[in-house]
Amino acid sequence: MTDATKAELEEIRASIDNIDAVLIHALAERFKYTKRVGKLKAEHDLPPADPERESRQIARLRALAIEADLDPAFAEKFLTFIIDEVIRHHEAIRR
């Protein structure tokens, strides 16, 4: 590997590391809000899951993924993972 290739690789990886940090901070911020939702649902005896909202969110994120030239199936898997975690948190708050 040439020095130029190594330098370019390091530069690209530094950008990836920065994006990863943004993703983690954005997820933390998102979970602050979903925690508030979970508390509100628990206070008003609402179910932890909201399938209609979840379906709308998945459709919205799939559309955003298409606009961003990202695989919409990947975006859906990612959001489904997050939704499952949020529901788990909401169930824990109810206990």
C-alpha atoms as a PDB file:
ATOM      1  CA  MET A   1       0.000   0.000   0.000  1.00  0.00           C
ATOM      2  CA  THR A   2       1.367   3.388  -0.936  1.00  0.00           C
ATOM      3  CA  ASP A   3       1.625   6.280   1.500  1.00  0.00           C
ATOM      4  CA  ALA A   4      -0.996   8.159  -0.536  1.00  0.00           C
ATOM      5  CA  THR A   5      -3.400   5.212  -0.345  1.00  0.00           C
ATOM      6  CA  LYS A   6      -2.774   4.828   3.372  1.00  0.00           C
ATOM      7  CA  ALA A   7      -3.390   8.553   3.945  1.00  0.00           C
ATOM      8  CA  GLU A   8      -6.605   8.483   1.913  1.00  0.00           C
ATOM      9  CA  LEU A   9      -7.785   5.385   3.773  1.00  0.00           C
ATOM     10  CA  GLU A  10      -7.136   7.073   7.131  1.00  0.00           C
ATOM     11  CA  GLU A  11      -8.977  10.209   5.995  1.00  0.00           C
ATOM     12  CA  ILE A  12     -12.010   8.193   4.904  1.00  0.00           C
ATOM     13  CA  ARG A  13     -11.971   6.185   8.135  1.00  0.00           C
ATOM     14  CA  ALA A  14     -11.816   9.389  10.185  1.00  0.00           C
ATOM     15  CA  SER A  15     -14.960  10.564   8.393  1.00  0.00           C
ATOM     16  CA  ILE A  16     -16.643   7.245   9.145  1.00  0.00           C
ATOM     17  CA  ASP A  17     -15.666   7.571  12.816  1.00  0.00           C
ATOM     18  CA  ASN A  18     -17.184  11.060  12.937  1.00  0.00           C
ATOM     19  CA  ILE A  19     -20.424   9.831  11.366  1.00  0.00           C
ATOM     20  CA  ASP A  20     -20.546   6.934  13.842  1.00  0.00           C
ATOM     21  CA  ALA A  21     -20.275   9.447  16.695  1.00  0.00           C
ATOM     22  CA  VAL A  22     -23.118  11.500  15.212  1.00  0.00           C
ATOM     23  CA  LEU A  23     -25.263   8.353  14.918  1.00  0.00           C
ATOM     24  CA  ILE A  24     -24.664   7.410  18.559  1.00  0.00           C
ATOM     25  CA  HIS A  25     -25.476  10.913  19.798  1.00  0.00           C
ATOM     26  CA  ALA A  26     -28.585  11.079  17.585  1.00  0.00           C
ATOM     27  CA  LEU A  27     -29.773   7.704  18.898  1.00  0.00           C
ATOM     28  CA  ALA A  28     -29.201   8.838  22.482  1.00  0.00           C
ATOM     29  CA  GLU A  29     -31.258  11.967  21.808  1.00  0.00           C
ATOM     30  CA  ARG A  30     -33.996   9.883  20.161  1.00  0.00           C
ATOM     31  CA  PHE A  31     -34.147   7.564  23.174  1.00  0.00           C
ATOM     32  CA  LYS A  32     -34.519  10.543  25.521  1.00  0.00           C
ATOM     33  CA  TYR A  33     -37.740  11.374  23.691  1.00  0.00           C
ATOM     34  CA  THR A  34     -38.979   7.799  23.473  1.00  0.00           C
ATOM     35  CA  LYS A  35     -38.408   7.490  27.236  1.00  0.00           C
ATOM     36  CA  ARG A  36     -40.714  10.478  27.723  1.00  0.00           C
ATOM     37  CA  VAL A  37     -43.275   8.793  25.469  1.00  0.00           C
ATOM     38  CA  GLY A  38     -42.973   5.600  27.516  1.00  0.00           C
ATOM     39  CA  LYS A  39     -43.582   7.464  30.767  1.00  0.00           C
ATOM     40  CA  LEU A  40     -46.600   9.234  29.299  1.00  0.00           C
ATOM     41  CA  LYS A  41     -48.007   5.951  27.994  1.00  0.00           C
ATOM     42  CA  ALA A  42     -47.517   4.310  31.392  1.00  0.00           C
ATOM     43  CA  GLU A  43     -49.206   7.214  33.207  1.00  0.00           C
ATOM     44  CA  HIS A  44     -52.241   6.941  30.920  1.00  0.00           C
ATOM     45  CA  ASP A  45     -52.311   3.141  30.718  1.00  0.00           C
ATOM     46  CA  LEU A  46     -51.571   3.117  26.981  1.00  0.00           C
ATOM     47  CA  PRO A  47     -49.977   0.064  25.364  1.00  0.00           C
ATOM     48  CA  PRO A  48     -46.184   0.082  24.909  1.00  0.00           C
ATOM     49  CA  ALA A  49     -46.510  -0.601  21.170  1.00  0.00           C
ATOM     50  CA  ASP A  50     -48.375   1.463  18.587  1.00  0.00           C
ATOM     51  CA  PRO A  51     -48.498  -0.653  15.409  1.00  0.00           C
ATOM     52  CA  GLU A  52     -50.145   2.076  13.310  1.00  0.00           C
ATOM     53  CA  ARG A  53     -47.460   4.631  14.214  1.00  0.00           C
ATOM     54  CA  GLU A  54     -44.737   2.042  13.677  1.00  0.00           C
ATOM     55  CA  SER A  55     -46.080   1.235  10.187  1.00  0.00           C
ATOM     56  CA  ARG A  56     -46.176   4.926   9.288  1.00  0.00           C
ATOM     57  CA  GLN A  57     -42.629   5.405  10.554  1.00  0.00           C
ATOM     58  CA  ILE A  58     -41.340   2.439   8.575  1.00  0.00           C
ATOM     59  CA  ALA A  59     -42.985   3.719   5.397  1.00  0.00           C
ATOM     60  CA  ARG A  60     -41.595   7.209   6.026  1.00  0.00           C
ATOM     61  CA  LEU A  61     -38.079   5.923   6.639  1.00  0.00           C
ATOM     62  CA  ARG A  62     -38.202   3.667   3.587  1.00  0.00           C
ATOM     63  CA  ALA A  63     -39.105   6.721   1.485  1.00  0.00           C
ATOM     64  CA  LEU A  64     -36.297   8.751   3.069  1.00  0.00           C
ATOM     65  CA  ALA A  65     -33.881   5.900   2.383  1.00  0.00           C
ATOM     66  CA  ILE A  66     -34.861   5.860  -1.287  1.00  0.00           C
ATOM     67  CA  GLU A  67     -34.309   9.637  -1.482  1.00  0.00           C
ATOM     68  CA  ALA A  68     -30.909   9.204   0.178  1.00  0.00           C
ATOM     69  CA  ASP A  69     -29.911   6.331  -2.138  1.00  0.00           C
ATOM     70  CA  LEU A  70     -29.884   3.885   0.786  1.00  0.00           C
ATOM     71  CA  ASP A  71     -31.350   0.398   0.601  1.00  0.00           C
ATOM     72  CA  PRO A  72     -34.904   0.788   1.985  1.00  0.00           C
ATOM     73  CA  ALA A  73     -34.876  -2.800   3.271  1.00  0.00           C
ATOM     74  CA  PHE A  74     -31.809  -1.958   5.349  1.00  0.00           C
ATOM     75  CA  ALA A  75     -33.492   1.208   6.649  1.00  0.00           C
ATOM     76  CA  GLU A  76     -36.536  -0.837   7.626  1.00  0.00           C
ATOM     77  CA  LYS A  77     -34.422  -3.424   9.459  1.00  0.00           C
ATOM     78  CA  PHE A  78     -32.602  -0.651  11.288  1.00  0.00           C
ATOM     79  CA  LEU A  79     -35.817   1.097  12.330  1.00  0.00           C
ATOM     80  CA  THR A  80     -37.463  -2.181  13.306  1.00  0.00           C
ATOM     81  CA  PHE A  81     -34.511  -2.898  15.586  1.00  0.00           C
ATOM     82  CA  ILE A  82     -34.888   0.534  17.188  1.00  0.00           C
ATOM     83  CA  ILE A  83     -38.665   0.179  17.539  1.00  0.00           C
ATOM     84  CA  ASP A  84     -38.240  -3.215  19.227  1.00  0.00           C
ATOM     85  CA  GLU A  85     -35.811  -1.653  21.709  1.00  0.00           C
ATOM     86  CA  VAL A  86     -38.171   1.271  22.376  1.00  0.00           C
ATOM     87  CA  ILE A  87     -41.059  -1.117  23.045  1.00  0.00           C
ATOM     88  CA  ARG A  88     -38.846  -3.096  25.423  1.00  0.00           C
ATOM     89  CA  HIS A  89     -38.058   0.145  27.279  1.00  0.00           C
ATOM     90  CA  HIS A  90     -41.754   1.099  27.381  1.00  0.00           C
ATOM     91  CA  GLU A  91     -42.636  -2.307  28.805  1.00  0.00           C
ATOM     92  CA  ALA A  92     -39.972  -1.877  31.497  1.00  0.00           C
ATOM     93  CA  ILE A  93     -41.324   1.572  32.407  1.00  0.00           C
ATOM     94  CA  ARG A  94     -44.813   0.086  32.923  1.00  0.00           C
ATOM     95  CA  ARG A  95     -43.532  -2.375  35.529  1.00  0.00           C
END
